Every structure is written in structure tokens, then in C-alpha cells.
Amino acid sequence: MHLIDVLVGRLTDRVKQFEHDRLGVFGVGRELNEKQWRVVLRQLIAMGHLLADHEAYGALKLTASARGVLRGETEIWLREEQENARNRAIRAKPRRGELASTAAGGGKADPSLHAALRAWRSETARKRGVPAYVVLHDSTIDGIAAVRPTTLDALRGIAGIGDKKLEHYGADLIALITASTA
């Protein structure tokens, strides 16, 4: 699916033809595989935020309710599909490691901080009843572990940390970072 190719940063002939590799959203969804993106898109259609336009050969179009989601004004909860052994094998490929080094700017991340951030994310996701990637993406955790921000302003500079995430999780993340560097 072309939309998923753009989101995961896959350079296909169609992506190159339409120059979608130049879009700001090109590759922003690399932490999910194609099957996971299909699950997300199906749920967004079911929620009414996306609409399959059958006159445009099934192209997905944003609905009026999608505006609030995109602006961060409307919170959505997505169901995480259960993984089977086959999916784990696909995700275990080195793509994830390559993204981590790119996202972290090549910096050395503290492994203990990285593990603490992942544990915090898992616990927070469990408490909220959402998939872990809804709390923080892997690339965001990689960036935090590499930069080790100690102020909210520094944390805001990490890709994937916007106003809402800063408001919801900023104090917890700073406390976690400070505790792990002490």
C-alpha cells in the first residue's frame, strides 16, 4: 500500500515517481511494520477518522474528525494486535537497530537508561490500556537515551516529544533520567 510505503520510508517506484520521499512524513512510521500499519489504518477507518473513497480507487481520505487527531486535540486509543512468532521474526531484523542509530544522531545511548525508559513506557502503556508505541515511539526513546535531557526544554527538543507528551510524561521522564545518571 502506497501510504504505508511512505510512512515506513520505503523507496518504491511510485514513491519516487510522485516524489513522496520529499514529504516531511516520509519514514516517520518506521517503528511499525506493514502489518501493524494496516491494523492502525483499519482502526482509524472504523473510528471514522479515515474514509475509503471508492470513486478514487479506494484512496484513503481524512474526515473532519481527523483534524482534531492530527492536531493532538482528540486522543485516540488503538488496540494492539497480538503478535505471533512470525511477526517477531520480521521485527527482529536489523531495521530497528539502524533506525536507533540514525534517530540518536550516532550518539552513544546509556543501556541502563534505555532499559529503564522501555520499562517505564511499558508500565505507562499498561496503565493507560494502550500499545507502548502510543506512549513513546522507539526512536523517541533512542533519542532520549542518547541525549539524556535534564530539563523540560531540552526534552522538548527530542523528536517525538510534543506539547501533549511533554505535559503528560515530561516530569516522569526527567525524574527517570535524573535518577539513572545519579
N, C-alpha and C. Protein backbone atom coordinates (compact mmCIF):
# COMPACT_ATOMS: atom_id res chain seq x y z
N MET A 1 0.85 -1.16 0.00
CA MET A 1 0.00 0.00 0.00
C MET A 1 0.90 1.24 0.00
N HIS A 2 0.63 2.15 -0.89
CA HIS A 2 1.48 3.32 -1.10
C HIS A 2 1.61 4.17 0.17
N LEU A 3 0.52 4.40 0.88
CA LEU A 3 0.57 5.20 2.11
C LEU A 3 1.54 4.58 3.11
N ILE A 4 1.49 3.28 3.27
CA ILE A 4 2.38 2.60 4.21
C ILE A 4 3.82 2.70 3.73
N ASP A 5 4.05 2.59 2.41
CA ASP A 5 5.40 2.75 1.87
C ASP A 5 5.97 4.11 2.25
N VAL A 6 5.16 5.15 2.18
CA VAL A 6 5.61 6.49 2.55
C VAL A 6 5.89 6.56 4.04
N LEU A 7 5.00 6.02 4.85
CA LEU A 7 5.16 6.10 6.31
C LEU A 7 6.39 5.35 6.81
N VAL A 8 6.67 4.19 6.22
CA VAL A 8 7.83 3.42 6.68
C VAL A 8 9.12 3.81 5.96
N GLY A 9 9.02 4.69 4.96
CA GLY A 9 10.21 5.15 4.26
C GLY A 9 10.73 4.19 3.22
N ARG A 10 9.83 3.49 2.55
CA ARG A 10 10.21 2.53 1.52
C ARG A 10 10.24 3.23 0.17
N LEU A 11 11.40 3.23 -0.47
CA LEU A 11 11.56 3.90 -1.76
C LEU A 11 11.12 2.99 -2.90
N THR A 12 9.84 3.05 -3.23
CA THR A 12 9.31 2.27 -4.34
C THR A 12 9.31 3.15 -5.59
N ASP A 13 9.02 2.54 -6.72
CA ASP A 13 8.93 3.32 -7.96
C ASP A 13 7.85 4.40 -7.87
N ARG A 14 6.70 4.05 -7.28
CA ARG A 14 5.61 5.03 -7.14
C ARG A 14 5.99 6.17 -6.21
N VAL A 15 6.68 5.85 -5.12
CA VAL A 15 7.11 6.89 -4.18
C VAL A 15 8.04 7.86 -4.90
N LYS A 16 8.98 7.32 -5.66
CA LYS A 16 9.91 8.17 -6.41
C LYS A 16 9.18 8.96 -7.50
N GLN A 17 8.26 8.30 -8.21
CA GLN A 17 7.52 8.95 -9.29
C GLN A 17 6.76 10.17 -8.80
N PHE A 18 6.10 10.06 -7.67
CA PHE A 18 5.31 11.17 -7.14
C PHE A 18 6.11 12.05 -6.18
N GLU A 19 7.41 11.74 -6.02
CA GLU A 19 8.32 12.49 -5.14
C GLU A 19 7.82 12.55 -3.70
N HIS A 20 7.18 11.47 -3.26
CA HIS A 20 6.69 11.42 -1.89
C HIS A 20 7.81 11.18 -0.89
N ASP A 21 9.01 10.85 -1.38
CA ASP A 21 10.16 10.72 -0.50
C ASP A 21 10.64 12.09 -0.01
N ARG A 22 10.11 13.15 -0.58
CA ARG A 22 10.45 14.52 -0.16
C ARG A 22 9.48 15.07 0.88
N LEU A 23 8.41 14.33 1.16
CA LEU A 23 7.43 14.77 2.14
C LEU A 23 8.02 14.70 3.55
N GLY A 24 7.55 15.58 4.41
CA GLY A 24 8.02 15.60 5.79
C GLY A 24 7.64 14.35 6.56
N VAL A 25 6.61 13.65 6.12
CA VAL A 25 6.17 12.44 6.82
C VAL A 25 6.84 11.18 6.28
N PHE A 26 7.70 11.32 5.29
CA PHE A 26 8.36 10.15 4.71
C PHE A 26 9.24 9.49 5.77
N GLY A 27 8.91 8.24 6.10
CA GLY A 27 9.72 7.47 7.04
C GLY A 27 9.44 7.70 8.51
N VAL A 28 8.41 8.48 8.85
CA VAL A 28 8.16 8.76 10.27
C VAL A 28 7.58 7.55 11.01
N GLY A 29 7.09 6.56 10.30
CA GLY A 29 6.47 5.41 10.96
C GLY A 29 7.29 4.15 10.87
N ARG A 30 8.59 4.27 10.86
CA ARG A 30 9.46 3.09 10.70
C ARG A 30 9.38 2.11 11.86
N GLU A 31 8.92 2.55 13.02
CA GLU A 31 8.89 1.63 14.16
C GLU A 31 7.77 0.59 14.05
N LEU A 32 6.88 0.76 13.08
CA LEU A 32 5.84 -0.24 12.84
C LEU A 32 6.10 -0.92 11.51
N ASN A 33 5.76 -2.20 11.42
CA ASN A 33 5.90 -2.88 10.14
C ASN A 33 4.62 -2.71 9.33
N GLU A 34 4.59 -3.25 8.15
CA GLU A 34 3.44 -3.07 7.27
C GLU A 34 2.15 -3.63 7.86
N LYS A 35 2.24 -4.81 8.45
CA LYS A 35 1.04 -5.42 9.04
C LYS A 35 0.50 -4.55 10.17
N GLN A 36 1.37 -4.02 11.00
CA GLN A 36 0.94 -3.16 12.11
C GLN A 36 0.28 -1.88 11.58
N TRP A 37 0.83 -1.31 10.51
CA TRP A 37 0.23 -0.11 9.93
C TRP A 37 -1.16 -0.42 9.36
N ARG A 38 -1.32 -1.60 8.77
CA ARG A 38 -2.65 -1.98 8.26
C ARG A 38 -3.66 -2.06 9.40
N VAL A 39 -3.24 -2.58 10.54
CA VAL A 39 -4.12 -2.65 11.71
C VAL A 39 -4.50 -1.23 12.16
N VAL A 40 -3.52 -0.34 12.21
CA VAL A 40 -3.79 1.05 12.62
C VAL A 40 -4.77 1.71 11.65
N LEU A 41 -4.53 1.55 10.35
CA LEU A 41 -5.40 2.18 9.35
C LEU A 41 -6.82 1.62 9.43
N ARG A 42 -6.96 0.31 9.61
CA ARG A 42 -8.30 -0.28 9.75
C ARG A 42 -9.03 0.32 10.95
N GLN A 43 -8.32 0.50 12.05
CA GLN A 43 -8.95 1.07 13.24
C GLN A 43 -9.34 2.53 13.02
N LEU A 44 -8.50 3.29 12.33
CA LEU A 44 -8.83 4.69 12.04
C LEU A 44 -10.04 4.80 11.12
N ILE A 45 -10.18 3.86 10.20
CA ILE A 45 -11.37 3.83 9.34
C ILE A 45 -12.60 3.49 10.18
N ALA A 46 -12.46 2.50 11.06
CA ALA A 46 -13.59 2.10 11.91
C ALA A 46 -14.02 3.24 12.84
N MET A 47 -13.05 4.06 13.28
CA MET A 47 -13.37 5.19 14.17
C MET A 47 -13.95 6.38 13.41
N GLY A 48 -13.85 6.34 12.08
CA GLY A 48 -14.38 7.43 11.27
C GLY A 48 -13.41 8.55 10.99
N HIS A 49 -12.12 8.35 11.27
CA HIS A 49 -11.12 9.38 11.01
C HIS A 49 -10.57 9.29 9.59
N LEU A 50 -10.71 8.13 8.97
CA LEU A 50 -10.31 7.92 7.58
C LEU A 50 -11.50 7.34 6.84
N LEU A 51 -11.57 7.62 5.55
CA LEU A 51 -12.66 7.13 4.72
C LEU A 51 -12.07 6.58 3.43
N ALA A 52 -12.47 5.37 3.06
CA ALA A 52 -12.04 4.80 1.78
C ALA A 52 -12.93 5.37 0.69
N ASP A 53 -12.34 6.12 -0.22
CA ASP A 53 -13.09 6.75 -1.31
C ASP A 53 -13.11 5.79 -2.50
N HIS A 54 -14.24 5.14 -2.69
CA HIS A 54 -14.34 4.13 -3.74
C HIS A 54 -14.31 4.73 -5.14
N GLU A 55 -14.69 5.98 -5.27
CA GLU A 55 -14.63 6.64 -6.59
C GLU A 55 -13.20 6.98 -6.97
N ALA A 56 -12.33 7.07 -5.98
CA ALA A 56 -10.91 7.36 -6.23
C ALA A 56 -10.08 6.09 -6.05
N TYR A 57 -10.64 4.96 -6.47
CA TYR A 57 -9.95 3.67 -6.44
C TYR A 57 -9.53 3.26 -5.03
N GLY A 58 -10.35 3.56 -4.04
CA GLY A 58 -10.08 3.14 -2.67
C GLY A 58 -9.08 4.00 -1.92
N ALA A 59 -8.77 5.18 -2.46
CA ALA A 59 -7.83 6.06 -1.77
C ALA A 59 -8.38 6.43 -0.40
N LEU A 60 -7.50 6.54 0.58
CA LEU A 60 -7.91 6.92 1.92
C LEU A 60 -7.94 8.44 2.03
N LYS A 61 -9.02 8.95 2.59
CA LYS A 61 -9.15 10.40 2.76
C LYS A 61 -9.43 10.70 4.22
N LEU A 62 -8.91 11.85 4.67
CA LEU A 62 -9.16 12.28 6.04
C LEU A 62 -10.59 12.80 6.16
N THR A 63 -11.23 12.49 7.27
CA THR A 63 -12.56 13.03 7.53
C THR A 63 -12.42 14.27 8.41
N ALA A 64 -13.52 14.94 8.68
CA ALA A 64 -13.49 16.15 9.51
C ALA A 64 -12.98 15.83 10.92
N SER A 65 -13.30 14.64 11.43
CA SER A 65 -12.87 14.29 12.79
C SER A 65 -11.35 14.06 12.87
N ALA A 66 -10.70 13.83 11.74
CA ALA A 66 -9.26 13.58 11.73
C ALA A 66 -8.47 14.83 12.10
N ARG A 67 -9.03 15.99 11.85
CA ARG A 67 -8.32 17.25 12.14
C ARG A 67 -7.92 17.33 13.61
N GLY A 68 -8.84 17.00 14.52
CA GLY A 68 -8.54 17.02 15.95
C GLY A 68 -7.47 16.02 16.33
N VAL A 69 -7.49 14.86 15.68
CA VAL A 69 -6.48 13.84 15.96
C VAL A 69 -5.10 14.34 15.52
N LEU A 70 -5.03 14.90 14.33
CA LEU A 70 -3.75 15.38 13.80
C LEU A 70 -3.18 16.52 14.63
N ARG A 71 -4.03 17.35 15.17
CA ARG A 71 -3.58 18.48 15.98
C ARG A 71 -3.29 18.09 17.43
N GLY A 72 -3.61 16.87 17.78
CA GLY A 72 -3.40 16.42 19.15
C GLY A 72 -4.49 16.85 20.11
N GLU A 73 -5.61 17.34 19.57
CA GLU A 73 -6.72 17.80 20.40
C GLU A 73 -7.65 16.65 20.79
N THR A 74 -7.67 15.61 19.96
CA THR A 74 -8.51 14.44 20.21
C THR A 74 -7.60 13.25 20.46
N GLU A 75 -7.77 12.63 21.60
CA GLU A 75 -6.97 11.46 21.92
C GLU A 75 -7.68 10.21 21.39
N ILE A 76 -6.90 9.32 20.78
CA ILE A 76 -7.47 8.06 20.31
C ILE A 76 -6.75 6.91 20.98
N TRP A 77 -7.46 5.83 21.14
CA TRP A 77 -6.90 4.63 21.74
C TRP A 77 -6.96 3.53 20.70
N LEU A 78 -5.81 2.93 20.44
CA LEU A 78 -5.74 1.87 19.44
C LEU A 78 -5.49 0.53 20.11
N ARG A 79 -6.08 -0.49 19.56
CA ARG A 79 -5.88 -1.85 20.03
C ARG A 79 -4.63 -2.40 19.36
N GLU A 80 -3.77 -3.01 20.14
CA GLU A 80 -2.57 -3.62 19.58
C GLU A 80 -2.87 -5.07 19.24
N GLU A 81 -2.65 -5.44 18.00
CA GLU A 81 -2.92 -6.80 17.58
C GLU A 81 -1.88 -7.74 18.18
N GLN A 82 -2.36 -8.90 18.63
CA GLN A 82 -1.46 -9.88 19.22
C GLN A 82 -0.46 -10.35 18.18
N GLU A 83 0.78 -10.44 18.61
CA GLU A 83 1.83 -10.87 17.69
C GLU A 83 1.98 -12.38 17.74
N ASN A 84 2.37 -12.95 16.62
CA ASN A 84 2.69 -14.37 16.62
C ASN A 84 4.18 -14.52 16.32
N ALA A 85 4.68 -15.71 16.33
CA ALA A 85 6.12 -15.92 16.17
C ALA A 85 6.62 -15.38 14.84
N ARG A 86 5.80 -15.44 13.83
CA ARG A 86 6.23 -14.95 12.52
C ARG A 86 6.48 -13.45 12.54
N ASN A 87 5.60 -12.70 13.19
CA ASN A 87 5.81 -11.25 13.27
C ASN A 87 7.06 -10.91 14.06
N ARG A 88 7.33 -11.65 15.14
CA ARG A 88 8.53 -11.36 15.93
C ARG A 88 9.78 -11.56 15.08
N ALA A 89 9.76 -12.57 14.22
CA ALA A 89 10.92 -12.81 13.37
C ALA A 89 11.12 -11.66 12.39
N ILE A 90 10.04 -11.11 11.89
CA ILE A 90 10.14 -9.99 10.96
C ILE A 90 10.70 -8.77 11.68
N ARG A 91 10.20 -8.49 12.88
CA ARG A 91 10.65 -7.31 13.61
C ARG A 91 12.08 -7.46 14.12
N ALA A 92 12.58 -8.69 14.24
CA ALA A 92 13.91 -8.91 14.77
C ALA A 92 14.99 -8.57 13.75
N LYS A 93 14.62 -8.27 12.54
CA LYS A 93 15.61 -7.92 11.52
C LYS A 93 16.29 -6.61 11.90
N PRO A 94 17.46 -6.33 11.38
CA PRO A 94 18.26 -5.20 11.84
C PRO A 94 17.69 -3.81 11.54
N ARG A 95 16.54 -3.72 10.87
CA ARG A 95 15.99 -2.41 10.54
C ARG A 95 15.84 -1.54 11.79
N ARG A 96 15.37 -2.12 12.88
CA ARG A 96 15.14 -1.37 14.12
C ARG A 96 16.46 -0.80 14.65
N GLY A 97 17.52 -1.59 14.63
CA GLY A 97 18.81 -1.10 15.10
C GLY A 97 19.33 0.04 14.26
N GLU A 98 19.15 -0.04 12.95
CA GLU A 98 19.59 1.02 12.07
C GLU A 98 18.84 2.32 12.37
N LEU A 99 17.56 2.22 12.65
CA LEU A 99 16.80 3.42 12.97
C LEU A 99 17.27 4.04 14.27
N ALA A 100 17.62 3.21 15.24
CA ALA A 100 18.05 3.73 16.53
C ALA A 100 19.30 4.58 16.38
N SER A 101 20.28 4.11 15.62
CA SER A 101 21.49 4.90 15.47
C SER A 101 21.24 6.17 14.68
N THR A 102 20.35 6.12 13.70
CA THR A 102 20.01 7.32 12.93
C THR A 102 19.28 8.32 13.79
N ALA A 103 18.28 7.84 14.56
CA ALA A 103 17.47 8.72 15.39
C ALA A 103 18.29 9.35 16.49
N ALA A 104 19.27 8.63 17.01
CA ALA A 104 20.06 9.13 18.11
C ALA A 104 21.19 10.02 17.63
N GLY A 105 21.27 10.21 16.33
CA GLY A 105 22.31 11.07 15.80
C GLY A 105 23.69 10.46 15.93
N GLY A 106 23.74 9.14 16.07
CA GLY A 106 25.02 8.47 16.16
C GLY A 106 25.60 8.51 17.57
N GLY A 107 24.94 9.14 18.52
CA GLY A 107 25.43 9.23 19.88
C GLY A 107 25.32 7.90 20.59
N LYS A 108 26.13 7.75 21.67
CA LYS A 108 26.09 6.53 22.46
C LYS A 108 25.00 6.65 23.51
N ALA A 109 24.06 5.74 23.49
CA ALA A 109 22.98 5.72 24.46
C ALA A 109 23.39 4.86 25.64
N ASP A 110 23.01 5.28 26.84
CA ASP A 110 23.27 4.53 28.06
C ASP A 110 22.33 3.33 28.09
N PRO A 111 22.85 2.10 28.05
CA PRO A 111 21.97 0.92 28.01
C PRO A 111 21.04 0.82 29.22
N SER A 112 21.51 1.20 30.40
CA SER A 112 20.65 1.10 31.58
C SER A 112 19.52 2.14 31.51
N LEU A 113 19.81 3.33 31.01
CA LEU A 113 18.76 4.34 30.84
C LEU A 113 17.76 3.87 29.78
N HIS A 114 18.28 3.31 28.70
CA HIS A 114 17.43 2.80 27.63
C HIS A 114 16.47 1.74 28.18
N ALA A 115 16.99 0.82 28.97
CA ALA A 115 16.15 -0.24 29.57
C ALA A 115 15.13 0.35 30.53
N ALA A 116 15.55 1.35 31.31
CA ALA A 116 14.63 1.98 32.26
C ALA A 116 13.51 2.71 31.52
N LEU A 117 13.85 3.38 30.42
CA LEU A 117 12.83 4.09 29.63
C LEU A 117 11.83 3.11 29.03
N ARG A 118 12.31 2.00 28.53
CA ARG A 118 11.42 0.99 27.95
C ARG A 118 10.50 0.39 29.01
N ALA A 119 11.06 0.13 30.20
CA ALA A 119 10.24 -0.42 31.28
C ALA A 119 9.18 0.59 31.71
N TRP A 120 9.57 1.86 31.82
CA TRP A 120 8.61 2.92 32.17
C TRP A 120 7.50 3.01 31.12
N ARG A 121 7.90 2.98 29.83
CA ARG A 121 6.92 3.05 28.75
C ARG A 121 5.94 1.89 28.82
N SER A 122 6.45 0.69 29.05
CA SER A 122 5.58 -0.49 29.13
C SER A 122 4.58 -0.37 30.27
N GLU A 123 5.06 0.06 31.42
CA GLU A 123 4.18 0.21 32.58
C GLU A 123 3.13 1.30 32.34
N THR A 124 3.56 2.41 31.76
CA THR A 124 2.63 3.51 31.46
C THR A 124 1.59 3.07 30.45
N ALA A 125 2.01 2.34 29.44
CA ALA A 125 1.07 1.84 28.42
C ALA A 125 0.08 0.87 29.04
N ARG A 126 0.56 0.00 29.92
CA ARG A 126 -0.33 -0.96 30.59
C ARG A 126 -1.38 -0.22 31.42
N LYS A 127 -0.95 0.79 32.17
CA LYS A 127 -1.88 1.56 33.00
C LYS A 127 -2.93 2.28 32.16
N ARG A 128 -2.54 2.78 31.00
CA ARG A 128 -3.46 3.52 30.13
C ARG A 128 -4.25 2.61 29.20
N GLY A 129 -3.83 1.36 29.09
CA GLY A 129 -4.53 0.42 28.22
C GLY A 129 -4.30 0.68 26.74
N VAL A 130 -3.09 1.14 26.41
CA VAL A 130 -2.74 1.44 25.02
C VAL A 130 -1.46 0.70 24.65
N PRO A 131 -1.19 0.54 23.37
CA PRO A 131 0.08 -0.05 22.96
C PRO A 131 1.25 0.86 23.37
N ALA A 132 2.39 0.27 23.60
CA ALA A 132 3.57 1.03 24.04
C ALA A 132 3.95 2.13 23.06
N TYR A 133 3.81 1.89 21.75
CA TYR A 133 4.22 2.89 20.77
C TYR A 133 3.34 4.14 20.81
N VAL A 134 2.16 4.05 21.42
CA VAL A 134 1.30 5.22 21.57
C VAL A 134 1.88 6.15 22.64
N VAL A 135 2.50 5.57 23.66
CA VAL A 135 3.13 6.37 24.72
C VAL A 135 4.37 7.06 24.16
N LEU A 136 5.34 6.31 23.71
CA LEU A 136 6.55 6.84 23.06
C LEU A 136 7.03 5.85 22.01
N HIS A 137 7.42 6.36 20.86
CA HIS A 137 7.97 5.51 19.81
C HIS A 137 9.39 5.08 20.19
N ASP A 138 9.84 3.99 19.62
CA ASP A 138 11.20 3.51 19.87
C ASP A 138 12.24 4.57 19.53
N SER A 139 12.05 5.27 18.43
CA SER A 139 13.02 6.28 18.02
C SER A 139 13.08 7.42 19.03
N THR A 140 11.95 7.72 19.68
CA THR A 140 11.94 8.77 20.70
C THR A 140 12.72 8.30 21.93
N ILE A 141 12.52 7.06 22.32
CA ILE A 141 13.27 6.51 23.45
C ILE A 141 14.76 6.50 23.13
N ASP A 142 15.11 6.14 21.90
CA ASP A 142 16.51 6.14 21.48
C ASP A 142 17.11 7.55 21.59
N GLY A 143 16.34 8.54 21.16
CA GLY A 143 16.81 9.93 21.23
C GLY A 143 17.00 10.39 22.67
N ILE A 144 16.05 10.06 23.53
CA ILE A 144 16.15 10.45 24.94
C ILE A 144 17.37 9.79 25.59
N ALA A 145 17.58 8.50 25.31
CA ALA A 145 18.71 7.77 25.90
C ALA A 145 20.04 8.32 25.41
N ALA A 146 20.10 8.80 24.17
CA ALA A 146 21.34 9.32 23.62
C ALA A 146 21.63 10.73 24.13
N VAL A 147 20.61 11.58 24.22
CA VAL A 147 20.81 12.98 24.60
C VAL A 147 20.81 13.18 26.12
N ARG A 148 20.01 12.38 26.84
CA ARG A 148 19.85 12.47 28.30
C ARG A 148 19.45 13.88 28.74
N PRO A 149 18.33 14.41 28.24
CA PRO A 149 17.92 15.77 28.63
C PRO A 149 17.55 15.83 30.11
N THR A 150 17.90 16.95 30.76
CA THR A 150 17.61 17.09 32.20
C THR A 150 16.62 18.22 32.47
N THR A 151 16.16 18.89 31.42
CA THR A 151 15.14 19.94 31.59
C THR A 151 14.01 19.67 30.61
N LEU A 152 12.86 20.26 30.91
CA LEU A 152 11.72 20.09 30.00
C LEU A 152 12.01 20.71 28.63
N ASP A 153 12.72 21.84 28.61
CA ASP A 153 13.06 22.47 27.32
C ASP A 153 13.96 21.56 26.49
N ALA A 154 14.93 20.93 27.14
CA ALA A 154 15.81 20.01 26.42
C ALA A 154 15.03 18.79 25.95
N LEU A 155 14.11 18.31 26.78
CA LEU A 155 13.29 17.16 26.40
C LEU A 155 12.41 17.50 25.21
N ARG A 156 11.90 18.73 25.14
CA ARG A 156 11.06 19.17 24.02
C ARG A 156 11.82 19.10 22.70
N GLY A 157 13.14 19.19 22.74
CA GLY A 157 13.95 19.14 21.53
C GLY A 157 14.10 17.74 20.94
N ILE A 158 13.65 16.72 21.65
CA ILE A 158 13.75 15.34 21.15
C ILE A 158 12.61 15.08 20.17
N ALA A 159 12.94 14.51 19.02
CA ALA A 159 11.92 14.18 18.02
C ALA A 159 10.91 13.21 18.64
N GLY A 160 9.62 13.54 18.50
CA GLY A 160 8.56 12.70 19.04
C GLY A 160 7.99 13.22 20.35
N ILE A 161 8.60 14.28 20.90
CA ILE A 161 8.09 14.89 22.13
C ILE A 161 7.46 16.23 21.76
N GLY A 162 6.13 16.25 21.76
CA GLY A 162 5.40 17.48 21.50
C GLY A 162 4.82 18.01 22.81
N ASP A 163 3.97 19.00 22.71
CA ASP A 163 3.38 19.62 23.90
C ASP A 163 2.61 18.63 24.75
N LYS A 164 1.81 17.79 24.11
CA LYS A 164 0.99 16.83 24.86
C LYS A 164 1.85 15.81 25.59
N LYS A 165 2.83 15.25 24.90
CA LYS A 165 3.69 14.24 25.53
C LYS A 165 4.50 14.90 26.64
N LEU A 166 4.94 16.13 26.43
CA LEU A 166 5.68 16.85 27.45
C LEU A 166 4.81 17.08 28.68
N GLU A 167 3.55 17.47 28.45
CA GLU A 167 2.61 17.71 29.54
C GLU A 167 2.32 16.42 30.31
N HIS A 168 2.06 15.33 29.56
CA HIS A 168 1.68 14.06 30.20
C HIS A 168 2.86 13.35 30.86
N TYR A 169 4.01 13.34 30.19
CA TYR A 169 5.10 12.48 30.63
C TYR A 169 6.39 13.21 30.99
N GLY A 170 6.48 14.51 30.75
CA GLY A 170 7.73 15.25 30.93
C GLY A 170 8.36 15.09 32.29
N ALA A 171 7.59 15.34 33.35
CA ALA A 171 8.14 15.26 34.71
C ALA A 171 8.63 13.85 35.02
N ASP A 172 7.86 12.84 34.63
CA ASP A 172 8.27 11.45 34.87
C ASP A 172 9.56 11.12 34.14
N LEU A 173 9.67 11.56 32.89
CA LEU A 173 10.87 11.27 32.11
C LEU A 173 12.10 11.96 32.69
N ILE A 174 11.96 13.22 33.08
CA ILE A 174 13.10 13.95 33.66
C ILE A 174 13.53 13.27 34.96
N ALA A 175 12.55 12.88 35.79
CA ALA A 175 12.89 12.19 37.04
C ALA A 175 13.61 10.88 36.76
N LEU A 176 13.16 10.14 35.76
CA LEU A 176 13.78 8.88 35.39
C LEU A 176 15.22 9.09 34.90
N ILE A 177 15.42 10.10 34.06
CA ILE A 177 16.75 10.40 33.52
C ILE A 177 17.68 10.84 34.65
N THR A 178 17.18 11.71 35.52
CA THR A 178 17.99 12.22 36.63
C THR A 178 18.38 11.07 37.56
N ALA A 179 17.44 10.18 37.86
CA ALA A 179 17.73 9.05 38.74
C ALA A 179 18.76 8.09 38.12
N SER A 180 18.70 7.92 36.81
CA SER A 180 19.63 6.96 36.18
C SER A 180 21.02 7.54 36.01
N THR A 181 21.17 8.86 36.00
CA THR A 181 22.50 9.47 35.85
C THR A 181 23.13 9.74 37.20
N ALA A 182 22.38 9.57 38.29
CA ALA A 182 22.93 9.84 39.63
C ALA A 182 23.75 8.69 40.13
